[in-house]
């Protein structure tokens, strides 16, 4: 199956999971867009390692959460260092 078609289909079908995570970690629209891009990039990179014996929703949620947590830490660290 074509990786690009699979990626687009997965993202369209499960967009709600991505936005749930994004809105949990970001309130600013620009930050939401940045986080969305980071999550989509990571999904694209990890697509070939997906094990279809597990639910795609669990896999997407875990990737989204990991990227969101990293993004939050990076953003929070920048804000803290600006005030130091």
C-alpha atoms as a PDB file:
ATOM      1  CA  UNK A   1       0.000   0.000   0.000  1.00  0.00           C
ATOM      2  CA  UNK A   2       1.199   3.501  -0.791  1.00  0.00           C
ATOM      3  CA  UNK A   3       2.622   5.156   2.337  1.00  0.00           C
ATOM      4  CA  UNK A   4       1.326   8.604   1.332  1.00  0.00           C
ATOM      5  CA  UNK A   5      -2.239   7.398   0.744  1.00  0.00           C
ATOM      6  CA  UNK A   6      -2.193   5.476   4.019  1.00  0.00           C
ATOM      7  CA  UNK A   7      -0.907   8.520   5.909  1.00  0.00           C
ATOM      8  CA  UNK A   8      -3.575  10.836   4.497  1.00  0.00           C
ATOM      9  CA  UNK A   9      -6.313   8.280   5.171  1.00  0.00           C
ATOM     10  CA  UNK A  10      -5.179   7.724   8.771  1.00  0.00           C
ATOM     11  CA  UNK A  11      -4.956  11.448   9.509  1.00  0.00           C
ATOM     12  CA  UNK A  12      -8.385  12.166   8.002  1.00  0.00           C
ATOM     13  CA  UNK A  13     -10.039   9.272   9.779  1.00  0.00           C
ATOM     14  CA  UNK A  14      -8.521   9.946  13.210  1.00  0.00           C
ATOM     15  CA  UNK A  15      -8.174  13.736  13.245  1.00  0.00           C
ATOM     16  CA  UNK A  16     -10.202  13.944  16.462  1.00  0.00           C
ATOM     17  CA  UNK A  17      -7.536  12.116  18.464  1.00  0.00           C
ATOM     18  CA  UNK A  18      -4.863  14.519  17.258  1.00  0.00           C
ATOM     19  CA  UNK A  19      -6.904  17.608  18.081  1.00  0.00           C
ATOM     20  CA  UNK A  20      -7.853  16.282  21.495  1.00  0.00           C
ATOM     21  CA  UNK A  21      -4.174  16.040  22.415  1.00  0.00           C
ATOM     22  CA  UNK A  22      -3.292  19.353  20.766  1.00  0.00           C
ATOM     23  CA  UNK A  23      -5.977  21.249  22.674  1.00  0.00           C
ATOM     24  CA  UNK A  24      -4.905  19.650  25.958  1.00  0.00           C
ATOM     25  CA  UNK A  25      -1.402  21.100  25.591  1.00  0.00           C
ATOM     26  CA  UNK A  26      -1.898  24.362  23.680  1.00  0.00           C
ATOM     27  CA  UNK A  27      -4.253  27.314  23.883  1.00  0.00           C
ATOM     28  CA  UNK A  28      -2.508  29.647  21.451  1.00  0.00           C
ATOM     29  CA  UNK A  29      -3.449  29.082  17.785  1.00  0.00           C
ATOM     30  CA  UNK A  30       0.154  29.397  16.589  1.00  0.00           C
ATOM     31  CA  UNK A  31       1.316  26.834  19.148  1.00  0.00           C
ATOM     32  CA  UNK A  32      -1.501  24.508  18.087  1.00  0.00           C
ATOM     33  CA  UNK A  33      -0.360  24.707  14.461  1.00  0.00           C
ATOM     34  CA  UNK A  34       3.253  24.064  15.446  1.00  0.00           C
ATOM     35  CA  UNK A  35       2.312  21.084  17.580  1.00  0.00           C
ATOM     36  CA  UNK A  36       0.065  19.685  14.860  1.00  0.00           C
ATOM     37  CA  UNK A  37       2.947  19.830  12.390  1.00  0.00           C
ATOM     38  CA  UNK A  38       5.310  18.125  14.832  1.00  0.00           C
ATOM     39  CA  UNK A  39       2.785  15.346  15.461  1.00  0.00           C
ATOM     40  CA  UNK A  40       2.119  14.813  11.751  1.00  0.00           C
ATOM     41  CA  UNK A  41       5.844  14.648  11.016  1.00  0.00           C
ATOM     42  CA  UNK A  42       6.341  12.049  13.735  1.00  0.00           C
ATOM     43  CA  UNK A  43       3.406   9.973  12.498  1.00  0.00           C
ATOM     44  CA  UNK A  44       4.851  10.059   8.971  1.00  0.00           C
ATOM     45  CA  UNK A  45       8.285   8.998  10.220  1.00  0.00           C
ATOM     46  CA  UNK A  46       6.845   6.206  12.375  1.00  0.00           C
ATOM     47  CA  UNK A  47       4.307   4.852   9.909  1.00  0.00           C
ATOM     48  CA  UNK A  48       6.578   2.079   8.663  1.00  0.00           C
ATOM     49  CA  UNK A  49       7.081   0.800  12.217  1.00  0.00           C
ATOM     50  CA  UNK A  50       3.354   0.519  13.002  1.00  0.00           C
ATOM     51  CA  UNK A  51       2.395  -2.984  14.126  1.00  0.00           C
ATOM     52  CA  UNK A  52      -1.116  -3.660  12.840  1.00  0.00           C
ATOM     53  CA  UNK A  53      -1.812  -6.185  15.582  1.00  0.00           C
ATOM     54  CA  UNK A  54      -2.487  -3.136  17.803  1.00  0.00           C
ATOM     55  CA  UNK A  55      -5.206  -0.515  17.439  1.00  0.00           C
ATOM     56  CA  UNK A  56      -4.223   2.415  15.237  1.00  0.00           C
ATOM     57  CA  UNK A  57      -5.958   4.780  17.658  1.00  0.00           C
ATOM     58  CA  UNK A  58      -3.718   3.715  20.537  1.00  0.00           C
ATOM     59  CA  UNK A  59      -0.629   4.152  18.368  1.00  0.00           C
ATOM     60  CA  UNK A  60      -1.730   7.621  17.198  1.00  0.00           C
ATOM     61  CA  UNK A  61      -2.629   8.718  20.708  1.00  0.00           C
ATOM     62  CA  UNK A  62       0.734   7.585  22.098  1.00  0.00           C
ATOM     63  CA  UNK A  63       2.694   9.369  19.367  1.00  0.00           C
ATOM     64  CA  UNK A  64       0.582  12.501  19.807  1.00  0.00           C
ATOM     65  CA  UNK A  65       1.054  12.496  23.577  1.00  0.00           C
ATOM     66  CA  UNK A  66       4.810  11.935  23.361  1.00  0.00           C
ATOM     67  CA  UNK A  67       5.252  14.763  20.862  1.00  0.00           C
ATOM     68  CA  UNK A  68       2.946  17.063  22.859  1.00  0.00           C
ATOM     69  CA  UNK A  69       4.847  16.432  26.092  1.00  0.00           C
ATOM     70  CA  UNK A  70       8.176  17.113  24.374  1.00  0.00           C
ATOM     71  CA  UNK A  71       6.752  20.266  22.799  1.00  0.00           C
ATOM     72  CA  UNK A  72       5.392  21.433  26.157  1.00  0.00           C
ATOM     73  CA  UNK A  73       8.724  20.837  27.900  1.00  0.00           C
ATOM     74  CA  UNK A  74      10.604  22.664  25.160  1.00  0.00           C
ATOM     75  CA  UNK A  75       8.183  25.614  25.252  1.00  0.00           C
ATOM     76  CA  UNK A  76       8.108  25.764  29.054  1.00  0.00           C
ATOM     77  CA  UNK A  77      11.912  25.634  29.228  1.00  0.00           C
ATOM     78  CA  UNK A  78      12.180  28.565  26.802  1.00  0.00           C
ATOM     79  CA  UNK A  79       9.753  30.633  28.864  1.00  0.00           C
ATOM     80  CA  UNK A  80      11.624  29.905  32.092  1.00  0.00           C
ATOM     81  CA  UNK A  81      15.005  30.813  30.643  1.00  0.00           C
ATOM     82  CA  UNK A  82      13.690  34.138  29.354  1.00  0.00           C
ATOM     83  CA  UNK A  83      12.974  35.255  32.902  1.00  0.00           C
ATOM     84  CA  UNK A  84      16.211  34.004  34.453  1.00  0.00           C
END
